[in-house]
Amino acid sequence: MNLNEAMNIVKIFKNESVKETLNGLQKLEKTISISNFETIYLAAKIIKEASSQIDEIVHASGIMIAKEVWLNEDEKVEYLSLGAGNHKERFDMETNLRIAEFKFGKWNEKSANGIRRRGYFGNYVSLLAANDPRIKYFVVEDKVAFIKFMSGKATWRNVLNKNPSGFKKLEKFIIENKKEYLVTVGEIYKEFEGRVTIIEFNQIIENAN
């Protein structure tokens, strides 16, 4: 079975909604032979293996596109970090003029997005708290959803409670700036909005076409 055949099998199984398909199976209303399930299982495994580390590939290729089309003529790349989700002190892209973090992925309107909120806000905080004179950019795939979260009432301590590094960075930053009264993510964003430029990746990709 090749990848295209596997994708077609899984597509047929999912139908319009995998949730509805699974609900139907749970009610024991559908009869599907073991051999069919073996085929579906094999197809799903093939797709899973083919998509292994896909997040890192998306992250790396997105940054490399930006490297070619986003920078100024007199701008030189000094450092790149292409692996997705790396815990590091340096940034995804550093040039002589800017530092930038990249986040790819759509926000789920039907989900609390807990992991995504923590990851995005952690990257934003790293940029915000960096003692660096270069222009700071946070490149995201879904700016509208991110700004909606950044303008909300979630407390920054709750968002970063499982990110000790980000928690300490932001706590130190607001103390140094005498802004201890800031409680929510929205208050943080409003107070320091001009320090980090949030840009949508599509704005960069347009320059590549």
Protein backbone atom coordinates (compact mmCIF):
# COMPACT_ATOMS: atom_id res chain seq x y z
CA MET A 1 0.00 0.00 0.00
CA ASN A 2 1.43 3.40 -0.99
CA LEU A 3 0.81 6.75 0.71
CA ASN A 4 -1.90 7.87 -1.74
CA GLU A 5 -3.84 4.62 -1.27
CA ALA A 6 -3.52 4.97 2.51
CA MET A 7 -4.83 8.53 2.42
CA ASN A 8 -7.86 7.51 0.35
CA ILE A 9 -8.69 4.65 2.73
CA VAL A 10 -8.51 6.91 5.77
CA LYS A 11 -10.50 9.63 3.99
CA ILE A 12 -13.30 7.19 3.22
CA PHE A 13 -13.29 5.91 6.82
CA LYS A 14 -13.42 9.43 8.26
CA ASN A 15 -16.26 10.38 5.91
CA GLU A 16 -17.46 13.91 6.75
CA SER A 17 -16.63 13.61 10.45
CA VAL A 18 -14.41 11.06 12.17
CA LYS A 19 -16.29 11.81 15.41
CA GLU A 20 -19.60 10.78 13.85
CA THR A 21 -17.99 7.67 12.37
CA LEU A 22 -16.63 6.62 15.76
CA ASN A 23 -19.92 7.40 17.49
CA GLY A 24 -21.69 5.13 15.03
CA LEU A 25 -19.23 2.31 15.70
CA GLN A 26 -19.65 2.74 19.45
CA LYS A 27 -23.40 2.23 19.05
CA LEU A 28 -22.66 -1.07 17.29
CA GLU A 29 -24.90 -0.01 14.41
CA LYS A 30 -22.28 -0.61 11.74
CA THR A 31 -20.71 -3.91 10.80
CA ILE A 32 -17.19 -3.71 9.43
CA SER A 33 -15.10 -6.83 8.95
CA ILE A 34 -11.82 -7.39 10.76
CA SER A 35 -10.00 -7.41 7.42
CA ASN A 36 -11.36 -3.94 6.66
CA PHE A 37 -10.18 -2.67 10.04
CA GLU A 38 -6.77 -4.23 9.41
CA THR A 39 -6.59 -2.26 6.17
CA ILE A 40 -7.68 0.95 7.91
CA TYR A 41 -5.14 0.36 10.69
CA LEU A 42 -2.31 -0.21 8.22
CA ALA A 43 -3.30 2.89 6.22
CA ALA A 44 -3.37 5.04 9.36
CA LYS A 45 0.06 3.73 10.41
CA ILE A 46 1.53 4.58 7.00
CA ILE A 47 0.19 8.15 7.22
CA LYS A 48 1.39 8.53 10.80
CA GLU A 49 4.91 7.43 9.90
CA ALA A 50 4.95 9.68 6.83
CA SER A 51 3.97 12.67 8.96
CA SER A 52 6.54 11.99 11.67
CA GLN A 53 8.19 15.24 12.80
CA ILE A 54 6.00 17.19 10.38
CA ASP A 55 5.87 20.13 12.82
CA GLU A 56 9.63 20.51 12.61
CA ILE A 57 9.50 20.43 8.81
CA VAL A 58 6.80 23.13 8.74
CA HIS A 59 8.77 25.23 11.24
CA ALA A 60 12.07 24.90 9.39
CA SER A 61 10.67 25.52 5.90
CA GLY A 62 8.67 28.54 7.10
CA ILE A 63 11.76 30.13 8.62
CA MET A 64 13.82 29.43 5.50
CA ILE A 65 11.16 31.17 3.36
CA ALA A 66 11.32 34.17 5.69
CA LYS A 67 15.13 34.15 5.49
CA GLU A 68 14.95 34.58 1.71
CA VAL A 69 12.09 37.07 1.26
CA TRP A 70 11.59 38.98 4.51
CA LEU A 71 14.93 40.59 5.28
CA ASN A 72 16.28 43.94 4.15
CA GLU A 73 19.13 44.24 1.64
CA ASP A 74 21.59 45.31 4.34
CA GLU A 75 20.42 42.65 6.80
CA LYS A 76 22.55 39.61 7.63
CA VAL A 77 21.43 36.42 9.37
CA GLU A 78 23.54 35.73 12.46
CA TYR A 79 21.70 32.72 13.93
CA LEU A 80 18.92 30.27 13.03
CA SER A 81 17.10 27.68 15.15
CA LEU A 82 15.03 25.48 12.85
CA GLY A 83 13.73 22.82 15.26
CA ALA A 84 10.15 23.30 16.48
CA GLY A 85 9.64 23.59 20.24
CA ASN A 86 13.29 23.87 21.18
CA HIS A 87 13.88 25.12 24.73
CA LYS A 88 16.57 27.69 24.19
CA GLU A 89 17.78 31.11 25.19
CA ARG A 90 18.35 32.29 21.63
CA PHE A 91 15.62 32.96 19.07
CA ASP A 92 14.40 31.23 15.91
CA MET A 93 15.98 33.92 13.74
CA GLU A 94 18.53 36.53 14.71
CA THR A 95 19.94 39.08 12.30
CA ASN A 96 21.95 42.25 12.79
CA LEU A 97 18.65 44.17 12.80
CA ARG A 98 15.99 41.90 14.34
CA ILE A 99 15.17 38.91 16.50
CA ALA A 100 12.13 36.78 15.68
CA GLU A 101 10.15 33.83 16.96
CA PHE A 102 7.88 31.76 14.68
CA LYS A 103 4.74 29.82 15.58
CA PHE A 104 2.77 27.81 13.03
CA GLY A 105 -0.65 26.25 13.51
CA LYS A 106 -4.30 27.20 13.56
CA TRP A 107 -6.13 27.83 16.83
CA ASN A 108 -9.14 25.58 17.47
CA GLU A 109 -12.25 27.65 18.14
CA LYS A 110 -13.89 24.68 19.85
CA SER A 111 -10.98 24.04 22.21
CA ALA A 112 -9.45 25.84 25.19
CA ASN A 113 -6.09 25.73 23.35
CA GLY A 114 -4.26 25.34 26.67
CA ILE A 115 -1.00 23.98 25.24
CA ARG A 116 -1.06 26.44 22.35
CA ARG A 117 -1.72 29.41 24.64
CA ARG A 118 1.16 28.41 26.89
CA GLY A 119 3.55 27.92 23.96
CA TYR A 120 2.64 31.10 22.13
CA PHE A 121 2.63 33.27 25.23
CA GLY A 122 5.93 31.76 26.37
CA ASN A 123 7.56 32.75 23.08
CA TYR A 124 6.02 36.22 23.28
CA VAL A 125 7.35 36.66 26.81
CA SER A 126 10.85 35.59 25.74
CA LEU A 127 10.86 38.33 23.13
CA LEU A 128 9.28 40.91 25.43
CA ALA A 129 11.72 40.30 28.27
CA ALA A 130 14.84 40.07 26.08
CA ASN A 131 17.33 42.83 26.84
CA ASP A 132 18.12 43.33 23.17
CA PRO A 133 18.16 46.56 21.14
CA ARG A 134 17.14 44.84 17.89
CA ILE A 135 13.56 44.98 16.59
CA LYS A 136 11.46 42.15 18.00
CA TYR A 137 9.04 40.17 15.82
CA PHE A 138 6.62 37.38 16.66
CA VAL A 139 5.50 35.62 13.47
CA VAL A 140 2.28 33.60 13.79
CA GLU A 141 0.06 31.76 11.34
CA ASP A 142 -3.22 32.88 12.89
CA LYS A 143 -2.83 36.47 14.08
CA VAL A 144 -6.55 37.12 14.67
CA ALA A 145 -6.89 34.21 17.10
CA PHE A 146 -3.64 35.06 18.85
CA ILE A 147 -4.54 38.73 19.33
CA LYS A 148 -7.94 37.66 20.66
CA PHE A 149 -6.19 35.57 23.30
CA MET A 150 -3.65 38.32 24.02
CA SER A 151 -6.49 40.79 24.60
CA GLY A 152 -8.34 38.48 26.98
CA LYS A 153 -8.75 38.12 30.72
CA ALA A 154 -6.71 34.97 31.34
CA THR A 155 -4.21 35.57 34.14
CA TRP A 156 -0.60 35.36 33.03
CA ARG A 157 0.29 33.26 36.07
CA ASN A 158 -2.24 30.59 35.10
CA VAL A 159 -1.14 30.55 31.46
CA LEU A 160 2.51 30.11 32.43
CA ASN A 161 2.02 27.87 35.46
CA LYS A 162 3.52 24.90 33.55
CA ASN A 163 6.26 26.99 31.97
CA PRO A 164 8.62 27.84 34.86
CA SER A 165 11.17 29.53 32.60
CA GLY A 166 8.56 31.83 31.03
CA PHE A 167 6.97 32.46 34.41
CA LYS A 168 10.27 33.63 35.92
CA LYS A 169 11.11 35.78 32.89
CA LEU A 170 7.80 37.63 32.97
CA GLU A 171 7.77 37.98 36.75
CA LYS A 172 11.26 39.50 36.69
CA PHE A 173 10.34 41.73 33.74
CA ILE A 174 7.25 43.25 35.33
CA ILE A 175 9.05 43.79 38.64
CA GLU A 176 11.92 45.57 36.88
CA ASN A 177 9.38 47.75 35.07
CA LYS A 178 7.40 48.36 38.30
CA LYS A 179 4.24 46.87 36.80
CA GLU A 180 3.44 44.28 39.47
CA TYR A 181 -0.22 45.29 39.36
CA LEU A 182 -0.63 43.73 35.89
CA VAL A 183 -2.58 40.50 36.33
CA THR A 184 -4.05 39.41 33.01
CA VAL A 185 -2.52 38.58 29.64
CA GLY A 186 -4.59 41.42 28.19
CA GLU A 187 -3.11 43.92 30.63
CA ILE A 188 0.42 42.77 29.80
CA TYR A 189 -0.24 43.07 26.07
CA LYS A 190 -1.85 46.51 26.33
CA GLU A 191 0.94 47.90 28.52
CA PHE A 192 3.83 46.68 26.34
CA GLU A 193 2.12 46.40 22.94
CA GLY A 194 4.73 48.42 21.06
CA ARG A 195 7.71 46.34 22.16
CA VAL A 196 7.00 43.23 20.10
CA THR A 197 5.61 43.40 16.55
CA ILE A 198 3.15 40.60 15.85
CA ILE A 199 2.97 39.70 12.15
CA GLU A 200 1.09 37.00 10.27
CA PHE A 201 3.19 34.56 8.23
CA ASN A 202 0.98 35.14 5.19
CA GLN A 203 2.31 38.71 5.05
CA ILE A 204 5.79 37.23 4.57
CA ILE A 205 4.75 34.46 2.16
CA GLU A 206 3.14 37.03 -0.14
CA ASN A 207 6.62 38.39 -0.88
CA ALA A 208 7.72 34.96 -2.07
CA ASN A 209 5.17 34.84 -4.91
